[in-house]
C-alpha atoms as a PDB file:
ATOM      1  CA  MET A   1     -12.898  40.382  60.679  1.00  0.00           C
ATOM      2  CA  ASP A   2      -9.748  38.442  58.972  1.00  0.00           C
ATOM      3  CA  LEU A   3      -6.932  41.165  60.136  1.00  0.00           C
ATOM      4  CA  MET A   4      -4.118  38.846  57.951  1.00  0.00           C
ATOM      5  CA  LEU A   5      -6.641  39.411  54.504  1.00  0.00           C
ATOM      6  CA  ILE A   6      -6.886  43.175  55.791  1.00  0.00           C
ATOM      7  CA  GLY A   7      -3.115  43.333  55.923  1.00  0.00           C
ATOM      8  CA  LEU A   8      -2.192  41.796  52.921  1.00  0.00           C
ATOM      9  CA  ARG A   9      -4.727  44.245  51.254  1.00  0.00           C
ATOM     10  CA  LEU A  10      -3.464  47.255  52.272  1.00  0.00           C
ATOM     11  CA  ILE A  11       0.222  46.187  51.595  1.00  0.00           C
ATOM     12  CA  HIS A  12      -0.992  45.172  48.021  1.00  0.00           C
ATOM     13  CA  ILE A  13      -2.925  48.182  47.339  1.00  0.00           C
ATOM     14  CA  LEU A  14      -0.487  50.652  49.175  1.00  0.00           C
ATOM     15  CA  GLY A  15       2.277  49.265  47.709  1.00  0.00           C
ATOM     16  CA  GLY A  16       0.534  48.962  44.458  1.00  0.00           C
ATOM     17  CA  VAL A  17      -0.666  52.693  44.442  1.00  0.00           C
ATOM     18  CA  PHE A  18       3.040  53.831  45.252  1.00  0.00           C
ATOM     19  CA  TRP A  19       4.807  51.301  42.591  1.00  0.00           C
ATOM     20  CA  ALA A  20       2.527  52.317  39.575  1.00  0.00           C
ATOM     21  CA  GLY A  21       2.216  55.543  40.359  1.00  0.00           C
ATOM     22  CA  ALA A  22       6.023  56.269  40.659  1.00  0.00           C
ATOM     23  CA  LEU A  23       6.804  54.166  37.739  1.00  0.00           C
ATOM     24  CA  ILE A  24       4.379  56.335  35.425  1.00  0.00           C
ATOM     25  CA  PHE A  25       5.513  59.356  36.505  1.00  0.00           C
ATOM     26  CA  MET A  26       9.357  58.535  35.929  1.00  0.00           C
ATOM     27  CA  ALA A  27       8.274  57.261  32.410  1.00  0.00           C
ATOM     28  CA  THR A  28       6.184  60.214  31.627  1.00  0.00           C
ATOM     29  CA  PHE A  29       8.043  63.067  33.343  1.00  0.00           C
ATOM     30  CA  LEU A  30      11.389  62.432  35.245  1.00  0.00           C
ATOM     31  CA  PHE A  31      13.096  60.067  32.603  1.00  0.00           C
ATOM     32  CA  PRO A  32      12.291  62.353  29.676  1.00  0.00           C
ATOM     33  CA  SER A  33      13.269  65.603  32.003  1.00  0.00           C
ATOM     34  CA  VAL A  34      16.397  63.774  33.076  1.00  0.00           C
ATOM     35  CA  ASN A  35      17.520  63.111  29.615  1.00  0.00           C
ATOM     36  CA  ASP A  36      16.810  66.769  28.730  1.00  0.00           C
ATOM     37  CA  ALA A  37      19.215  67.984  31.634  1.00  0.00           C
ATOM     38  CA  GLY A  38      21.613  66.341  29.672  1.00  0.00           C
ATOM     39  CA  PRO A  39      24.967  65.932  32.049  1.00  0.00           C
ATOM     40  CA  ASP A  40      23.247  67.625  35.093  1.00  0.00           C
ATOM     41  CA  GLY A  41      20.528  64.636  34.810  1.00  0.00           C
ATOM     42  CA  GLY A  42      22.798  62.370  36.301  1.00  0.00           C
ATOM     43  CA  LYS A  43      22.693  64.657  39.695  1.00  0.00           C
ATOM     44  CA  VAL A  44      18.916  63.878  39.879  1.00  0.00           C
ATOM     45  CA  ILE A  45      19.531  59.963  39.737  1.00  0.00           C
ATOM     46  CA  ALA A  46      22.490  60.030  42.043  1.00  0.00           C
ATOM     47  CA  ALA A  47      20.401  62.038  44.635  1.00  0.00           C
ATOM     48  CA  LEU A  48      17.432  59.502  44.281  1.00  0.00           C
ATOM     49  CA  GLN A  49      19.910  56.626  44.599  1.00  0.00           C
ATOM     50  CA  ARG A  50      21.400  58.551  47.652  1.00  0.00           C
ATOM     51  CA  ARG A  51      17.848  58.579  49.171  1.00  0.00           C
ATOM     52  CA  GLY A  52      17.499  54.820  48.518  1.00  0.00           C
ATOM     53  CA  PHE A  53      15.210  54.914  45.778  1.00  0.00           C
ATOM     54  CA  LEU A  54      16.387  52.304  43.843  1.00  0.00           C
ATOM     55  CA  ASN A  55      16.411  50.053  46.706  1.00  0.00           C
ATOM     56  CA  VAL A  56      13.189  51.030  48.052  1.00  0.00           C
ATOM     57  CA  MET A  57      11.414  50.520  44.486  1.00  0.00           C
ATOM     58  CA  PRO A  58      12.230  46.850  44.228  1.00  0.00           C
ATOM     59  CA  ALA A  59      11.267  46.002  47.957  1.00  0.00           C
ATOM     60  CA  ILE A  60       7.766  47.692  47.291  1.00  0.00           C
ATOM     61  CA  ALA A  61       7.473  45.919  44.034  1.00  0.00           C
ATOM     62  CA  ILE A  62       8.263  42.513  45.718  1.00  0.00           C
ATOM     63  CA  LEU A  63       6.059  43.374  48.820  1.00  0.00           C
ATOM     64  CA  THR A  64       3.159  44.110  46.298  1.00  0.00           C
ATOM     65  CA  VAL A  65       3.785  40.775  44.075  1.00  0.00           C
ATOM     66  CA  LEU A  66       3.859  38.700  47.106  1.00  0.00           C
ATOM     67  CA  SER A  67       0.765  40.115  48.712  1.00  0.00           C
ATOM     68  CA  GLY A  68      -0.656  39.772  45.520  1.00  0.00           C
ATOM     69  CA  VAL A  69      -0.077  36.143  45.352  1.00  0.00           C
ATOM     70  CA  ALA A  70      -1.276  35.321  48.926  1.00  0.00           C
ATOM     71  CA  LEU A  71      -4.571  37.339  48.241  1.00  0.00           C
ATOM     72  CA  PHE A  72      -5.022  35.481  44.717  1.00  0.00           C
ATOM     73  CA  TRP A  73      -4.574  32.325  46.442  1.00  0.00           C
ATOM     74  CA  LYS A  74      -6.929  32.962  49.192  1.00  0.00           C
ATOM     75  CA  LEU A  75      -9.323  34.686  46.460  1.00  0.00           C
ATOM     76  CA  SER A  76      -9.351  31.376  44.049  1.00  0.00           C
ATOM     77  CA  ALA A  77      -9.164  28.925  46.764  1.00  0.00           C
ATOM     78  CA  GLY A  78      -6.079  27.836  46.202  1.00  0.00           C
ATOM     79  CA  PHE A  79      -5.610  28.442  42.538  1.00  0.00           C
ATOM     80  CA  GLN A  80      -8.609  26.190  41.599  1.00  0.00           C
ATOM     81  CA  ASN A  81      -8.842  25.709  37.834  1.00  0.00           C
ATOM     82  CA  ALA A  82     -12.771  26.337  37.496  1.00  0.00           C
ATOM     83  CA  TRP A  83     -12.356  29.735  39.213  1.00  0.00           C
ATOM     84  CA  MET A  84      -9.153  30.739  37.466  1.00  0.00           C
ATOM     85  CA  LYS A  85     -10.821  30.351  34.141  1.00  0.00           C
ATOM     86  CA  SER A  86     -13.898  32.380  35.571  1.00  0.00           C
ATOM     87  CA  PRO A  87     -14.036  36.102  33.808  1.00  0.00           C
ATOM     88  CA  THR A  88     -12.831  37.610  37.378  1.00  0.00           C
ATOM     89  CA  GLY A  89      -9.862  35.039  37.349  1.00  0.00           C
ATOM     90  CA  THR A  90      -8.917  35.433  33.947  1.00  0.00           C
ATOM     91  CA  THR A  91      -8.932  39.528  34.402  1.00  0.00           C
ATOM     92  CA  LEU A  92      -6.803  38.947  37.272  1.00  0.00           C
ATOM     93  CA  THR A  93      -4.542  36.450  35.700  1.00  0.00           C
ATOM     94  CA  ILE A  94      -3.838  39.045  33.209  1.00  0.00           C
ATOM     95  CA  GLY A  95      -3.058  41.587  35.690  1.00  0.00           C
ATOM     96  CA  ALA A  96      -0.656  39.548  37.546  1.00  0.00           C
ATOM     97  CA  VAL A  97       1.190  38.395  34.506  1.00  0.00           C
ATOM     98  CA  ALA A  98       1.607  42.047  33.606  1.00  0.00           C
ATOM     99  CA  ALA A  99       2.786  42.982  37.186  1.00  0.00           C
ATOM    100  CA  LEU A 100       5.276  40.092  37.054  1.00  0.00           C
ATOM    101  CA  ALA A 101       6.685  41.307  33.731  1.00  0.00           C
ATOM    102  CA  ALA A 102       7.063  45.020  35.005  1.00  0.00           C
ATOM    103  CA  LEU A 103       8.821  43.300  38.049  1.00  0.00           C
ATOM    104  CA  GLY A 104      11.217  41.480  35.679  1.00  0.00           C
ATOM    105  CA  ILE A 105      11.883  44.232  33.385  1.00  0.00           C
ATOM    106  CA  GLY A 106      12.544  46.578  36.949  1.00  0.00           C
ATOM    107  CA  LEU A 107      15.065  44.124  38.538  1.00  0.00           C
ATOM    108  CA  SER A 108      16.935  42.974  35.168  1.00  0.00           C
ATOM    109  CA  ILE A 109      17.010  46.104  33.333  1.00  0.00           C
ATOM    110  CA  LEU A 110      15.943  49.247  34.802  1.00  0.00           C
ATOM    111  CA  ARG A 111      17.592  49.126  38.295  1.00  0.00           C
ATOM    112  CA  PRO A 112      20.930  48.097  37.001  1.00  0.00           C
ATOM    113  CA  ARG A 113      21.135  50.294  34.223  1.00  0.00           C
ATOM    114  CA  ALA A 114      19.930  53.048  36.583  1.00  0.00           C
ATOM    115  CA  LEU A 115      23.024  51.994  38.796  1.00  0.00           C
ATOM    116  CA  ARG A 116      25.353  52.013  36.210  1.00  0.00           C
ATOM    117  CA  VAL A 117      24.091  55.615  35.064  1.00  0.00           C
ATOM    118  CA  SER A 118      24.798  56.974  38.623  1.00  0.00           C
ATOM    119  CA  ALA A 119      28.110  55.187  38.738  1.00  0.00           C
ATOM    120  CA  LEU A 120      29.400  56.779  35.376  1.00  0.00           C
ATOM    121  CA  MET A 121      28.095  60.183  36.332  1.00  0.00           C
ATOM    122  CA  GLN A 122      30.111  60.156  39.404  1.00  0.00           C
ATOM    123  CA  GLU A 123      33.175  59.184  37.435  1.00  0.00           C
ATOM    124  CA  LEU A 124      32.513  61.874  34.850  1.00  0.00           C
ATOM    125  CA  ALA A 125      32.106  64.409  37.409  1.00  0.00           C
ATOM    126  CA  THR A 126      35.901  64.315  37.678  1.00  0.00           C
ATOM    127  CA  ALA A 127      37.182  63.008  34.700  1.00  0.00           C
ATOM    128  CA  PRO A 128      39.228  65.161  32.589  1.00  0.00           C
ATOM    129  CA  ALA A 129      38.304  65.902  29.107  1.00  0.00           C
ATOM    130  CA  GLY A 130      38.877  63.620  26.301  1.00  0.00           C
ATOM    131  CA  ALA A 131      38.354  60.479  24.449  1.00  0.00           C
ATOM    132  CA  ASP A 132      37.792  58.176  27.751  1.00  0.00           C
ATOM    133  CA  ARG A 133      35.139  61.066  29.119  1.00  0.00           C
ATOM    134  CA  ASP A 134      33.572  61.023  25.790  1.00  0.00           C
ATOM    135  CA  ALA A 135      33.201  57.160  25.586  1.00  0.00           C
ATOM    136  CA  LYS A 136      31.686  57.118  29.169  1.00  0.00           C
ATOM    137  CA  MET A 137      29.346  59.898  28.492  1.00  0.00           C
ATOM    138  CA  ALA A 138      28.057  57.918  25.134  1.00  0.00           C
ATOM    139  CA  THR A 139      27.555  55.075  27.610  1.00  0.00           C
ATOM    140  CA  VAL A 140      25.384  57.037  29.883  1.00  0.00           C
ATOM    141  CA  GLN A 141      23.384  58.281  27.039  1.00  0.00           C
ATOM    142  CA  THR A 142      22.809  54.811  25.581  1.00  0.00           C
ATOM    143  CA  LEU A 143      21.996  53.528  28.956  1.00  0.00           C
ATOM    144  CA  ARG A 144      19.687  56.349  29.556  1.00  0.00           C
ATOM    145  CA  ALA A 145      17.710  55.457  26.384  1.00  0.00           C
ATOM    146  CA  SER A 146      17.444  51.974  27.090  1.00  0.00           C
ATOM    147  CA  THR A 147      16.358  52.828  31.146  1.00  0.00           C
ATOM    148  CA  MET A 148      13.718  55.036  29.572  1.00  0.00           C
ATOM    149  CA  ALA A 149      12.400  52.390  27.364  1.00  0.00           C
ATOM    150  CA  ALA A 150      12.219  49.955  30.114  1.00  0.00           C
ATOM    151  CA  GLY A 151      10.507  52.563  32.323  1.00  0.00           C
ATOM    152  CA  ARG A 152       7.797  52.987  29.507  1.00  0.00           C
ATOM    153  CA  TRP A 153       7.333  49.232  29.494  1.00  0.00           C
ATOM    154  CA  ILE A 154       6.976  48.814  33.307  1.00  0.00           C
ATOM    155  CA  ALA A 155       4.618  51.766  33.192  1.00  0.00           C
ATOM    156  CA  THR A 156       2.384  50.187  30.513  1.00  0.00           C
ATOM    157  CA  PHE A 157       2.455  46.850  32.331  1.00  0.00           C
ATOM    158  CA  LEU A 158       1.877  48.594  35.757  1.00  0.00           C
ATOM    159  CA  ALA A 159      -1.129  50.522  34.240  1.00  0.00           C
ATOM    160  CA  ILE A 160      -2.364  47.293  32.659  1.00  0.00           C
ATOM    161  CA  ALA A 161      -2.246  45.548  36.091  1.00  0.00           C
ATOM    162  CA  THR A 162      -3.688  48.334  37.844  1.00  0.00           C
ATOM    163  CA  VAL A 163      -6.714  48.372  35.577  1.00  0.00           C
ATOM    164  CA  CYS A 164      -7.360  44.888  35.880  1.00  0.00           C
ATOM    165  CA  MET A 165      -7.121  44.895  39.529  1.00  0.00           C
ATOM    166  CA  ALA A 166      -9.676  47.944  39.426  1.00  0.00           C
ATOM    167  CA  VAL A 167     -12.171  46.094  37.464  1.00  0.00           C
ATOM    168  CA  ALA A 168     -11.943  42.345  37.896  1.00  0.00           C
ATOM    169  CA  ARG A 169     -14.604  41.904  40.100  1.00  0.00           C
ATOM    170  CA  TYR A 170     -17.006  43.669  38.357  1.00  0.00           C
ATOM    171  CA  ILE A 171     -16.349  41.333  34.971  1.00  0.00           C
END
């Protein structure tokens, strides 16, 4: 029994389920609902941030990717070219690339913009009516729209990765 392999698989599968599930839920239900709530939607994002969601998600995503790389290396006997070109290797590579794309978008676009929206919403809570408040609200709306788009892309890439991981051994 290879306890290291079991541990890596547990981290990869549980992390992947959480990461993909959370992002698919967010892209499909949470972001549109937050957007529909208008200014009050910022309270939801702020509550998620207070609970550490915007820090936990990247950590889980990174652990999922790192454990996946280790599993991929072991399964492919060191990324051997012949195995990588096999149907299973190709399918897992597609899934890995999709997961890496999701991670990149999450770290470079979604998280920073969600943090910025949260900060702006805190400022808006005490800002007096006027041009400055209206400008900040317009910025929030723009950031929300791009965050929602990034979330949809991440959810799509994670769905692709999940499907590839689920079927690779049967191809």
